[in-house]
Amino acid sequence: MKLLNFLKPKPAQTTIESYGQTSSGLEQQQIQSIMEWLFASLLNVGYFGKSHIIWYNGDELKPSLEQMVKKAMRRDEPVFLYCCDARVSPLPTEYYYWRMMNEHPSMRIYQLEIKDKD
């Protein structure tokens, strides 16, 4: 019987991987509020899986983050960016763009989207 339980697929869980949180310069309470909002937003649209948030506080994404972004997009995992600075990060590739999530009152959260091929 235990073997059958082992073989059953586990229910999908919503998780958010965080990158650059400690160097963001934001207070823990503000970070927690943003994470709660993002988690609730993912659940609201029925997304159960892995997602990513980058706490952006610089001029360009590090190569390791660019690799993570590309890998996540290939897996259809949502990628978000919270802009701690005045500007948004340069785009990882010419195939993607950052869409502002104007649902959040800060107007600093962006979701990585695939560009339409015209």
N, C-alpha and C. Protein backbone atom coordinates (compact mmCIF):
# COMPACT_ATOMS: atom_id res chain seq x y z
N MET A 1 0.82 -1.20 0.00
CA MET A 1 0.00 0.00 0.00
C MET A 1 0.86 1.26 0.00
N LYS A 2 1.98 1.26 0.73
CA LYS A 2 2.86 2.41 0.78
C LYS A 2 3.46 2.69 -0.59
N LEU A 3 3.73 1.65 -1.35
CA LEU A 3 4.29 1.82 -2.69
C LEU A 3 3.33 2.58 -3.59
N LEU A 4 2.05 2.27 -3.50
CA LEU A 4 1.04 2.98 -4.31
C LEU A 4 0.96 4.45 -3.93
N ASN A 5 1.07 4.76 -2.64
CA ASN A 5 1.06 6.15 -2.21
C ASN A 5 2.28 6.89 -2.74
N PHE A 6 3.40 6.20 -2.82
CA PHE A 6 4.62 6.81 -3.35
C PHE A 6 4.48 7.16 -4.83
N LEU A 7 3.77 6.33 -5.57
CA LEU A 7 3.63 6.53 -7.01
C LEU A 7 2.59 7.59 -7.39
N LYS A 8 1.73 7.96 -6.45
CA LYS A 8 0.72 8.97 -6.75
C LYS A 8 1.40 10.32 -6.97
N PRO A 9 0.98 11.06 -7.99
CA PRO A 9 1.57 12.38 -8.19
C PRO A 9 1.16 13.31 -7.04
N LYS A 10 2.13 14.10 -6.60
CA LYS A 10 1.85 15.04 -5.52
C LYS A 10 1.13 16.26 -6.10
N PRO A 11 0.22 16.84 -5.34
CA PRO A 11 -0.47 18.02 -5.85
C PRO A 11 0.52 19.16 -6.05
N ALA A 12 0.29 19.93 -7.10
CA ALA A 12 1.17 21.06 -7.40
C ALA A 12 1.05 22.10 -6.29
N GLN A 13 2.18 22.70 -5.96
CA GLN A 13 2.24 23.73 -4.94
C GLN A 13 2.72 25.02 -5.56
N THR A 14 2.20 26.12 -5.10
CA THR A 14 2.68 27.41 -5.57
C THR A 14 3.90 27.79 -4.74
N THR A 15 5.02 28.03 -5.42
CA THR A 15 6.23 28.49 -4.75
C THR A 15 6.78 29.68 -5.51
N ILE A 16 7.45 30.56 -4.79
CA ILE A 16 8.09 31.72 -5.39
C ILE A 16 9.55 31.72 -4.99
N GLU A 17 10.42 31.53 -5.98
CA GLU A 17 11.87 31.61 -5.75
C GLU A 17 12.26 33.09 -5.78
N SER A 18 13.07 33.52 -4.81
CA SER A 18 13.43 34.93 -4.67
C SER A 18 14.92 35.12 -4.95
N TYR A 19 15.25 36.16 -5.71
CA TYR A 19 16.64 36.44 -6.09
C TYR A 19 16.96 37.90 -5.77
N GLY A 20 18.02 38.13 -5.00
CA GLY A 20 18.46 39.49 -4.70
C GLY A 20 17.71 40.17 -3.57
N GLN A 21 16.98 39.41 -2.81
CA GLN A 21 16.16 39.98 -1.74
C GLN A 21 17.01 40.66 -0.68
N THR A 22 18.11 40.04 -0.29
CA THR A 22 18.94 40.58 0.79
C THR A 22 19.64 41.87 0.40
N SER A 23 19.91 42.06 -0.89
CA SER A 23 20.58 43.29 -1.33
C SER A 23 19.61 44.31 -1.92
N SER A 24 18.31 44.09 -1.73
CA SER A 24 17.32 44.98 -2.33
C SER A 24 17.24 46.34 -1.65
N GLY A 25 17.60 46.40 -0.37
CA GLY A 25 17.49 47.65 0.37
C GLY A 25 16.10 47.90 0.92
N LEU A 26 15.19 46.95 0.73
CA LEU A 26 13.82 47.10 1.22
C LEU A 26 13.70 46.53 2.63
N GLU A 27 12.76 47.07 3.40
CA GLU A 27 12.50 46.55 4.74
C GLU A 27 11.76 45.22 4.63
N GLN A 28 11.97 44.35 5.60
CA GLN A 28 11.37 43.02 5.58
C GLN A 28 9.84 43.09 5.50
N GLN A 29 9.24 44.04 6.18
CA GLN A 29 7.78 44.17 6.15
C GLN A 29 7.28 44.50 4.74
N GLN A 30 8.00 45.35 4.03
CA GLN A 30 7.64 45.70 2.66
C GLN A 30 7.80 44.48 1.74
N ILE A 31 8.87 43.74 1.91
CA ILE A 31 9.10 42.53 1.11
C ILE A 31 7.99 41.52 1.36
N GLN A 32 7.64 41.33 2.63
CA GLN A 32 6.60 40.38 2.97
C GLN A 32 5.26 40.78 2.35
N SER A 33 4.95 42.05 2.37
CA SER A 33 3.70 42.54 1.78
C SER A 33 3.65 42.26 0.28
N ILE A 34 4.76 42.49 -0.41
CA ILE A 34 4.84 42.26 -1.85
C ILE A 34 4.72 40.77 -2.16
N MET A 35 5.42 39.94 -1.38
CA MET A 35 5.35 38.50 -1.58
C MET A 35 3.94 37.96 -1.35
N GLU A 36 3.27 38.46 -0.32
CA GLU A 36 1.89 38.03 -0.06
C GLU A 36 0.97 38.42 -1.21
N TRP A 37 1.15 39.63 -1.73
CA TRP A 37 0.32 40.09 -2.85
C TRP A 37 0.58 39.22 -4.08
N LEU A 38 1.84 38.93 -4.35
CA LEU A 38 2.17 38.13 -5.53
C LEU A 38 1.64 36.71 -5.38
N PHE A 39 1.79 36.12 -4.22
CA PHE A 39 1.29 34.78 -3.96
C PHE A 39 -0.23 34.73 -4.15
N ALA A 40 -0.93 35.71 -3.58
CA ALA A 40 -2.39 35.77 -3.72
C ALA A 40 -2.79 35.96 -5.18
N SER A 41 -2.03 36.74 -5.92
CA SER A 41 -2.32 36.96 -7.35
C SER A 41 -2.17 35.67 -8.14
N LEU A 42 -1.13 34.90 -7.85
CA LEU A 42 -0.91 33.63 -8.54
C LEU A 42 -2.05 32.66 -8.24
N LEU A 43 -2.44 32.57 -6.98
CA LEU A 43 -3.55 31.69 -6.60
C LEU A 43 -4.86 32.14 -7.24
N ASN A 44 -5.04 33.45 -7.32
CA ASN A 44 -6.28 34.01 -7.88
C ASN A 44 -6.46 33.62 -9.35
N VAL A 45 -5.37 33.52 -10.09
CA VAL A 45 -5.48 33.13 -11.51
C VAL A 45 -5.36 31.61 -11.68
N GLY A 46 -5.29 30.89 -10.56
CA GLY A 46 -5.27 29.43 -10.63
C GLY A 46 -3.91 28.84 -10.98
N TYR A 47 -2.83 29.59 -10.73
CA TYR A 47 -1.50 29.07 -11.03
C TYR A 47 -0.96 28.31 -9.82
N PHE A 48 -0.61 27.06 -10.03
CA PHE A 48 0.00 26.23 -8.99
C PHE A 48 1.29 25.68 -9.57
N GLY A 49 2.39 26.23 -9.16
CA GLY A 49 3.68 25.80 -9.65
C GLY A 49 4.76 26.74 -9.16
N LYS A 50 5.89 26.66 -9.81
CA LYS A 50 7.04 27.46 -9.42
C LYS A 50 7.03 28.79 -10.17
N SER A 51 7.36 29.86 -9.47
CA SER A 51 7.52 31.17 -10.09
C SER A 51 8.76 31.82 -9.49
N HIS A 52 9.14 32.97 -10.02
CA HIS A 52 10.39 33.61 -9.63
C HIS A 52 10.17 35.11 -9.49
N ILE A 53 10.84 35.71 -8.50
CA ILE A 53 10.84 37.17 -8.39
C ILE A 53 12.28 37.63 -8.21
N ILE A 54 12.62 38.66 -8.97
CA ILE A 54 13.95 39.28 -8.91
C ILE A 54 13.78 40.63 -8.25
N TRP A 55 14.53 40.86 -7.19
CA TRP A 55 14.52 42.15 -6.51
C TRP A 55 15.64 42.96 -7.17
N TYR A 56 15.26 43.77 -8.15
CA TYR A 56 16.24 44.43 -9.01
C TYR A 56 16.70 45.74 -8.40
N ASN A 57 18.02 45.86 -8.25
CA ASN A 57 18.61 47.06 -7.67
C ASN A 57 19.96 47.33 -8.33
N GLY A 58 19.98 47.43 -9.64
CA GLY A 58 21.23 47.63 -10.36
C GLY A 58 20.99 47.96 -11.82
N ASP A 59 22.05 47.92 -12.60
CA ASP A 59 21.96 48.31 -14.00
C ASP A 59 21.64 47.17 -14.95
N GLU A 60 22.12 45.97 -14.66
CA GLU A 60 21.84 44.85 -15.56
C GLU A 60 21.77 43.55 -14.78
N LEU A 61 21.07 42.59 -15.37
CA LEU A 61 20.96 41.30 -14.70
C LEU A 61 22.29 40.55 -14.78
N LYS A 62 22.63 39.87 -13.70
CA LYS A 62 23.83 39.04 -13.69
C LYS A 62 23.62 37.88 -14.65
N PRO A 63 24.71 37.35 -15.24
CA PRO A 63 24.56 36.22 -16.18
C PRO A 63 23.84 35.02 -15.57
N SER A 64 24.05 34.74 -14.28
CA SER A 64 23.36 33.60 -13.66
C SER A 64 21.85 33.85 -13.60
N LEU A 65 21.44 35.11 -13.38
CA LEU A 65 20.01 35.42 -13.38
C LEU A 65 19.43 35.35 -14.78
N GLU A 66 20.20 35.78 -15.77
CA GLU A 66 19.73 35.68 -17.15
C GLU A 66 19.50 34.22 -17.52
N GLN A 67 20.39 33.33 -17.10
CA GLN A 67 20.21 31.90 -17.38
C GLN A 67 18.96 31.37 -16.69
N MET A 68 18.74 31.78 -15.44
CA MET A 68 17.54 31.35 -14.71
C MET A 68 16.29 31.83 -15.42
N VAL A 69 16.30 33.08 -15.88
CA VAL A 69 15.13 33.66 -16.56
C VAL A 69 14.82 32.86 -17.82
N LYS A 70 15.82 32.57 -18.62
CA LYS A 70 15.61 31.81 -19.85
C LYS A 70 15.09 30.40 -19.56
N LYS A 71 15.65 29.77 -18.55
CA LYS A 71 15.22 28.42 -18.17
C LYS A 71 13.77 28.45 -17.68
N ALA A 72 13.43 29.42 -16.87
CA ALA A 72 12.07 29.54 -16.35
C ALA A 72 11.07 29.78 -17.48
N MET A 73 11.42 30.61 -18.43
CA MET A 73 10.52 30.90 -19.54
C MET A 73 10.31 29.66 -20.40
N ARG A 74 11.35 28.85 -20.60
CA ARG A 74 11.20 27.60 -21.35
C ARG A 74 10.25 26.65 -20.64
N ARG A 75 10.22 26.71 -19.32
CA ARG A 75 9.35 25.83 -18.52
C ARG A 75 7.97 26.45 -18.27
N ASP A 76 7.70 27.60 -18.86
CA ASP A 76 6.44 28.33 -18.65
C ASP A 76 6.22 28.69 -17.18
N GLU A 77 7.31 29.05 -16.49
CA GLU A 77 7.22 29.51 -15.10
C GLU A 77 7.23 31.04 -15.11
N PRO A 78 6.28 31.66 -14.43
CA PRO A 78 6.24 33.12 -14.42
C PRO A 78 7.47 33.73 -13.75
N VAL A 79 7.95 34.84 -14.33
CA VAL A 79 9.09 35.56 -13.79
C VAL A 79 8.64 36.99 -13.53
N PHE A 80 8.92 37.47 -12.32
CA PHE A 80 8.54 38.82 -11.93
C PHE A 80 9.77 39.60 -11.52
N LEU A 81 9.68 40.91 -11.61
CA LEU A 81 10.77 41.78 -11.22
C LEU A 81 10.18 42.88 -10.36
N TYR A 82 10.77 43.12 -9.21
CA TYR A 82 10.39 44.28 -8.40
C TYR A 82 11.51 45.29 -8.55
N CYS A 83 11.17 46.44 -9.06
CA CYS A 83 12.16 47.48 -9.35
C CYS A 83 12.41 48.31 -8.10
N CYS A 84 13.54 48.06 -7.43
CA CYS A 84 13.91 48.82 -6.24
C CYS A 84 14.57 50.14 -6.63
N ASP A 85 15.02 50.22 -7.85
CA ASP A 85 15.72 51.38 -8.39
C ASP A 85 14.74 52.22 -9.20
N ALA A 86 15.23 53.25 -9.84
CA ALA A 86 14.38 54.12 -10.65
C ALA A 86 14.10 53.54 -12.03
N ARG A 87 14.93 52.58 -12.47
CA ARG A 87 14.78 52.04 -13.82
C ARG A 87 14.58 50.54 -13.79
N VAL A 88 13.99 50.05 -14.86
CA VAL A 88 13.79 48.60 -15.02
C VAL A 88 15.03 48.02 -15.71
N SER A 89 15.31 46.78 -15.39
CA SER A 89 16.43 46.06 -15.96
C SER A 89 16.33 45.98 -17.48
N PRO A 90 17.48 45.97 -18.17
CA PRO A 90 17.44 45.70 -19.60
C PRO A 90 16.83 44.32 -19.85
N LEU A 91 16.25 44.15 -21.01
CA LEU A 91 15.60 42.89 -21.35
C LEU A 91 16.62 41.76 -21.49
N PRO A 92 16.27 40.57 -21.02
CA PRO A 92 17.19 39.44 -21.15
C PRO A 92 17.47 39.07 -22.61
N THR A 93 16.48 39.16 -23.48
CA THR A 93 16.68 38.88 -24.89
C THR A 93 15.71 39.74 -25.69
N GLU A 94 15.86 39.70 -26.98
CA GLU A 94 14.95 40.46 -27.84
C GLU A 94 13.58 39.81 -27.96
N TYR A 95 13.39 38.64 -27.38
CA TYR A 95 12.12 37.92 -27.48
C TYR A 95 11.18 38.20 -26.31
N TYR A 96 11.66 38.92 -25.29
CA TYR A 96 10.86 39.16 -24.09
C TYR A 96 10.78 40.64 -23.78
N TYR A 97 9.81 41.00 -22.95
CA TYR A 97 9.72 42.37 -22.44
C TYR A 97 9.12 42.33 -21.04
N TRP A 98 9.38 43.39 -20.27
CA TRP A 98 8.81 43.51 -18.93
C TRP A 98 7.49 44.26 -19.02
N ARG A 99 6.39 43.64 -18.57
CA ARG A 99 5.08 44.27 -18.55
C ARG A 99 4.78 44.71 -17.13
N MET A 100 4.49 46.01 -16.97
CA MET A 100 4.17 46.52 -15.65
C MET A 100 2.86 45.92 -15.16
N MET A 101 2.87 45.45 -13.94
CA MET A 101 1.65 44.93 -13.33
C MET A 101 1.00 46.08 -12.56
N ASN A 102 0.17 46.83 -13.27
CA ASN A 102 -0.41 48.03 -12.66
C ASN A 102 -1.48 47.69 -11.62
N GLU A 103 -1.72 46.40 -11.38
CA GLU A 103 -2.64 45.99 -10.33
C GLU A 103 -2.04 46.25 -8.94
N HIS A 104 -0.71 46.29 -8.86
CA HIS A 104 -0.04 46.54 -7.58
C HIS A 104 0.12 48.05 -7.40
N PRO A 105 -0.24 48.58 -6.24
CA PRO A 105 -0.21 50.04 -6.03
C PRO A 105 1.16 50.68 -6.17
N SER A 106 2.24 49.92 -5.99
CA SER A 106 3.58 50.51 -6.07
C SER A 106 3.99 50.87 -7.49
N MET A 107 3.36 50.21 -8.48
CA MET A 107 3.72 50.38 -9.89
C MET A 107 5.19 50.02 -10.12
N ARG A 108 5.72 49.09 -9.34
CA ARG A 108 7.12 48.67 -9.45
C ARG A 108 7.28 47.18 -9.74
N ILE A 109 6.17 46.47 -9.90
CA ILE A 109 6.25 45.04 -10.18
C ILE A 109 5.99 44.82 -11.67
N TYR A 110 6.88 44.02 -12.28
CA TYR A 110 6.79 43.72 -13.70
C TYR A 110 6.77 42.21 -13.89
N GLN A 111 6.09 41.77 -14.95
CA GLN A 111 6.10 40.35 -15.30
C GLN A 111 6.76 40.21 -16.66
N LEU A 112 7.62 39.22 -16.78
CA LEU A 112 8.29 38.96 -18.05
C LEU A 112 7.31 38.29 -19.00
N GLU A 113 7.18 38.85 -20.18
CA GLU A 113 6.24 38.36 -21.19
C GLU A 113 6.99 38.07 -22.49
N ILE A 114 6.42 37.20 -23.29
CA ILE A 114 6.98 36.89 -24.61
C ILE A 114 6.41 37.88 -25.63
N LYS A 115 7.30 38.44 -26.45
CA LYS A 115 6.86 39.38 -27.48
C LYS A 115 6.09 38.65 -28.56
N ASP A 116 5.07 39.29 -29.09
CA ASP A 116 4.34 38.75 -30.23
C ASP A 116 5.22 38.81 -31.46
N LYS A 117 5.17 37.76 -32.25
CA LYS A 117 5.94 37.73 -33.50
C LYS A 117 5.07 38.32 -34.61
N ASP A 118 5.49 39.45 -35.12
CA ASP A 118 4.72 40.11 -36.20
C ASP A 118 5.32 39.86 -37.55
